Protein backbone atom coordinates (compact mmCIF):
# COMPACT_ATOMS: atom_id res chain seq x y z
CA UNK A 1 37.40 -58.52 17.84
CA UNK A 2 33.99 -59.17 19.39
CA UNK A 3 30.94 -58.80 17.20
CA UNK A 4 27.27 -58.31 17.78
CA UNK A 5 24.28 -59.89 16.08
CA UNK A 6 21.27 -57.83 15.11
CA UNK A 7 18.17 -58.91 13.22
CA UNK A 8 17.61 -57.51 9.77
CA UNK A 9 14.64 -57.99 7.47
CA UNK A 10 12.95 -61.40 7.49
CA UNK A 11 14.79 -62.40 10.66
CA UNK A 12 18.22 -62.57 9.00
CA UNK A 13 21.05 -62.19 11.50
CA UNK A 14 23.62 -59.53 10.62
CA UNK A 15 27.09 -59.58 12.14
CA UNK A 16 28.20 -56.11 13.25
CA UNK A 17 31.78 -55.64 14.56
CA UNK A 18 32.16 -53.86 17.87
CA UNK A 19 34.52 -51.42 16.13
CA UNK A 20 31.54 -50.05 14.19
CA UNK A 21 29.89 -48.97 17.43
CA UNK A 22 33.13 -47.33 18.58
CA UNK A 23 33.39 -45.38 15.31
CA UNK A 24 29.84 -44.09 15.68
CA UNK A 25 30.41 -43.24 19.36
CA UNK A 26 33.62 -41.34 18.58
CA UNK A 27 31.93 -39.40 15.78
CA UNK A 28 28.99 -38.50 18.00
CA UNK A 29 31.37 -37.40 20.77
CA UNK A 30 33.28 -35.08 18.43
CA UNK A 31 30.09 -33.59 17.03
CA UNK A 32 28.60 -32.96 20.46
CA UNK A 33 31.86 -31.60 21.88
CA UNK A 34 32.19 -28.95 19.18
CA UNK A 35 28.50 -28.09 19.40
CA UNK A 36 28.74 -27.59 23.18
CA UNK A 37 31.86 -25.45 22.80
CA UNK A 38 30.04 -23.18 20.35
CA UNK A 39 27.03 -23.07 22.67
CA UNK A 40 29.09 -21.99 25.68
CA UNK A 41 30.92 -19.35 23.63
CA UNK A 42 27.66 -17.95 22.27
CA UNK A 43 26.14 -17.87 25.74
CA UNK A 44 29.08 -15.85 27.06
CA UNK A 45 28.79 -13.36 24.17
CA UNK A 46 25.06 -12.95 24.81
CA UNK A 47 25.79 -12.34 28.49
CA UNK A 48 28.38 -9.70 27.65
CA UNK A 49 25.86 -7.95 25.37
CA UNK A 50 23.28 -7.87 28.17
CA UNK A 51 25.87 -6.62 30.65
CA UNK A 52 26.67 -3.64 28.44
CA UNK A 53 22.97 -2.69 28.44
CA UNK A 54 22.40 -2.90 32.19
CA UNK A 55 21.64 0.82 32.52
CA UNK A 56 19.00 0.70 29.77
CA UNK A 57 17.43 -2.40 31.31
CA UNK A 58 17.20 -0.74 34.71
CA UNK A 59 15.20 2.15 33.24
CA UNK A 60 12.20 -0.14 32.72
CA UNK A 61 11.26 -1.99 35.94
CA UNK A 62 10.30 -5.59 35.38
CA UNK A 63 12.37 -6.26 32.26
CA UNK A 64 14.49 -8.73 34.21
CA UNK A 65 11.28 -10.75 34.67
CA UNK A 66 10.84 -10.88 30.91
CA UNK A 67 14.41 -11.68 29.78
CA UNK A 68 14.86 -15.27 31.11
CA UNK A 69 11.55 -16.50 29.69
CA UNK A 70 12.10 -14.72 26.39
CA UNK A 71 15.57 -16.21 25.84
CA UNK A 72 14.46 -19.66 26.97
CA UNK A 73 11.52 -19.59 24.57
CA UNK A 74 13.81 -18.94 21.59
CA UNK A 75 15.83 -22.08 22.25
CA UNK A 76 12.82 -24.24 23.13
CA UNK A 77 10.78 -23.35 20.05
CA UNK A 78 13.79 -23.49 17.73
CA UNK A 79 14.84 -26.84 19.18
CA UNK A 80 11.39 -28.28 18.52
CA UNK A 81 11.56 -27.13 14.89
CA UNK A 82 14.97 -28.71 14.39
CA UNK A 83 13.84 -31.94 16.08
CA UNK A 84 10.77 -32.27 13.86
CA UNK A 85 12.80 -31.67 10.70
CA UNK A 86 15.51 -34.11 11.83
CA UNK A 87 12.95 -36.83 12.54
CA UNK A 88 11.40 -36.33 9.11
CA UNK A 89 14.82 -36.52 7.44
CA UNK A 90 15.73 -39.80 9.11
CA UNK A 91 12.31 -41.27 8.38
CA UNK A 92 12.61 -40.24 4.75
CA UNK A 93 9.40 -38.18 4.72
CA UNK A 94 11.28 -34.86 4.44
CA UNK A 95 13.57 -33.97 1.57
CA UNK A 96 16.70 -31.98 2.54
CA UNK A 97 15.43 -28.87 0.76
CA UNK A 98 14.08 -25.60 2.08
CA UNK A 99 11.19 -25.82 -0.38
CA UNK A 100 9.94 -29.12 1.04
CA UNK A 101 6.27 -28.79 2.01
CA UNK A 102 6.78 -30.18 5.52
CA UNK A 103 9.76 -27.89 6.17
CA UNK A 104 7.81 -24.83 5.02
CA UNK A 105 4.74 -25.71 7.08
CA UNK A 106 6.86 -26.31 10.18
CA UNK A 107 8.59 -22.95 9.76
CA UNK A 108 5.21 -21.22 9.44
CA UNK A 109 3.88 -22.97 12.55
CA UNK A 110 7.03 -22.04 14.47
CA UNK A 111 6.66 -18.37 13.48
CA UNK A 112 3.06 -18.32 14.72
CA UNK A 113 4.07 -20.03 17.96
CA UNK A 114 6.86 -17.51 18.61
CA UNK A 115 4.55 -14.54 18.12
CA UNK A 116 1.76 -15.98 20.29
CA UNK A 117 4.19 -16.94 23.07
CA UNK A 118 5.91 -13.54 22.90
CA UNK A 119 2.65 -11.69 23.47
CA UNK A 120 1.60 -14.07 26.27
CA UNK A 121 5.01 -13.69 27.89
CA UNK A 122 4.79 -9.91 27.68
CA UNK A 123 1.33 -9.89 29.29
CA UNK A 124 2.51 -12.23 32.04
CA UNK A 125 5.56 -10.05 32.76
CA UNK A 126 3.37 -6.93 32.77
CA UNK A 127 0.93 -8.27 35.37
CA UNK A 128 3.71 -9.83 37.46
CA UNK A 129 5.46 -6.46 37.54
CA UNK A 130 2.16 -4.73 38.37
CA UNK A 131 1.18 -6.99 41.26
CA UNK A 132 4.62 -7.49 42.79
CA UNK A 133 6.28 -4.11 42.25
CA UNK A 134 3.23 -1.92 41.70
CA UNK A 135 4.62 -0.66 38.39
CA UNK A 136 2.38 -0.43 35.32
CA UNK A 137 4.36 -0.35 32.08
CA UNK A 138 2.52 -1.49 28.94
CA UNK A 139 5.78 -1.11 27.01
CA UNK A 140 6.78 -4.53 28.33
CA UNK A 141 4.12 -6.15 26.14
CA UNK A 142 5.24 -4.19 23.08
CA UNK A 143 8.90 -4.95 23.77
CA UNK A 144 8.19 -8.67 23.96
CA UNK A 145 6.06 -8.62 20.78
CA UNK A 146 8.59 -6.56 18.77
CA UNK A 147 11.48 -8.71 20.00
CA UNK A 148 9.56 -11.83 18.98
CA UNK A 149 8.93 -10.37 15.54
CA UNK A 150 12.61 -9.49 15.06
CA UNK A 151 13.75 -12.92 16.19
CA UNK A 152 11.73 -14.64 13.45
CA UNK A 153 14.82 -14.30 11.27
CA UNK A 154 16.33 -17.25 13.13
CA UNK A 155 13.65 -19.66 11.86
CA UNK A 156 14.94 -20.05 8.26
CA UNK A 157 18.52 -20.08 9.57
CA UNK A 158 17.57 -22.87 11.95
CA UNK A 159 15.85 -24.92 9.24
CA UNK A 160 18.62 -24.38 6.68
CA UNK A 161 21.34 -25.37 9.15
CA UNK A 162 19.48 -28.56 10.08
CA UNK A 163 19.21 -29.55 6.42
CA UNK A 164 22.83 -28.56 5.71
CA UNK A 165 24.15 -30.62 8.64
CA UNK A 166 22.16 -33.63 7.44
CA UNK A 167 23.40 -33.26 3.85
CA UNK A 168 26.98 -33.17 5.13
CA UNK A 169 26.51 -36.58 6.75
CA UNK A 170 26.25 -35.42 10.36
CA UNK A 171 23.52 -36.17 12.87
CA UNK A 172 21.48 -32.99 13.49
CA UNK A 173 20.40 -34.38 16.86
CA UNK A 174 24.01 -34.12 18.08
CA UNK A 175 24.60 -30.59 16.83
CA UNK A 176 21.38 -28.62 16.58
CA UNK A 177 20.45 -28.59 20.29
CA UNK A 178 23.46 -26.55 21.45
CA UNK A 179 23.48 -24.63 18.18
CA UNK A 180 19.87 -23.54 18.58
CA UNK A 181 20.51 -22.57 22.19
CA UNK A 182 23.37 -20.34 21.05
CA UNK A 183 21.40 -18.93 18.15
CA UNK A 184 18.46 -18.23 20.44
CA UNK A 185 20.68 -16.44 22.95
CA UNK A 186 22.41 -14.28 20.34
CA UNK A 187 19.36 -13.40 18.23
CA UNK A 188 17.12 -13.21 21.28
CA UNK A 189 19.44 -10.78 23.06
CA UNK A 190 19.95 -8.67 19.94
CA UNK A 191 16.23 -8.52 19.12
CA UNK A 192 15.40 -7.77 22.75
CA UNK A 193 17.81 -4.84 22.91
CA UNK A 194 16.63 -3.49 19.55
CA UNK A 195 13.02 -3.77 20.73
CA UNK A 196 13.86 -1.73 23.83
CA UNK A 197 15.49 0.94 21.68
CA UNK A 198 12.53 1.04 19.25
CA UNK A 199 9.73 1.13 21.84
CA UNK A 200 11.24 3.53 24.38
């Protein structure tokens, strides 16, 4: 079977069989396939949850402006956290423990980012609704802020799952992207609906 040379330390040539690349490719394919399946399933469940709350959403004009950005932000911010932790794990600067200083500091920074972005998103949705539809509803800002606060629970879950996947010998980069998207949709939808119930 064909083999490939790669250079190791001090210029030493290392012979790597082509079968090794196929094994890695097959493993990555399986990991990504299952992750995407879970992501699609979670997205459908989040959509069903929103569909059941259509009447409540229609009571507050402009909420449909807020929802896409809010849900997208959950996945984007969570994905960045997972990516930073994964990079640190592969570089050896992060220990696969929740108490690691870098992991803790990244979780704290992510929490601050979520809260700041939630308030900014709420203000943006409020003024967009005001200028386009002529409706002034300050509750949109409070809904976004409360929903952001409730969704902070996904940060330690995100970090723990990234570390757990790494400890189990899997590549977090193959799994965590779709997983975080699903987690963001589910927790984002739930926190959003709870925030509507609390603030109205």
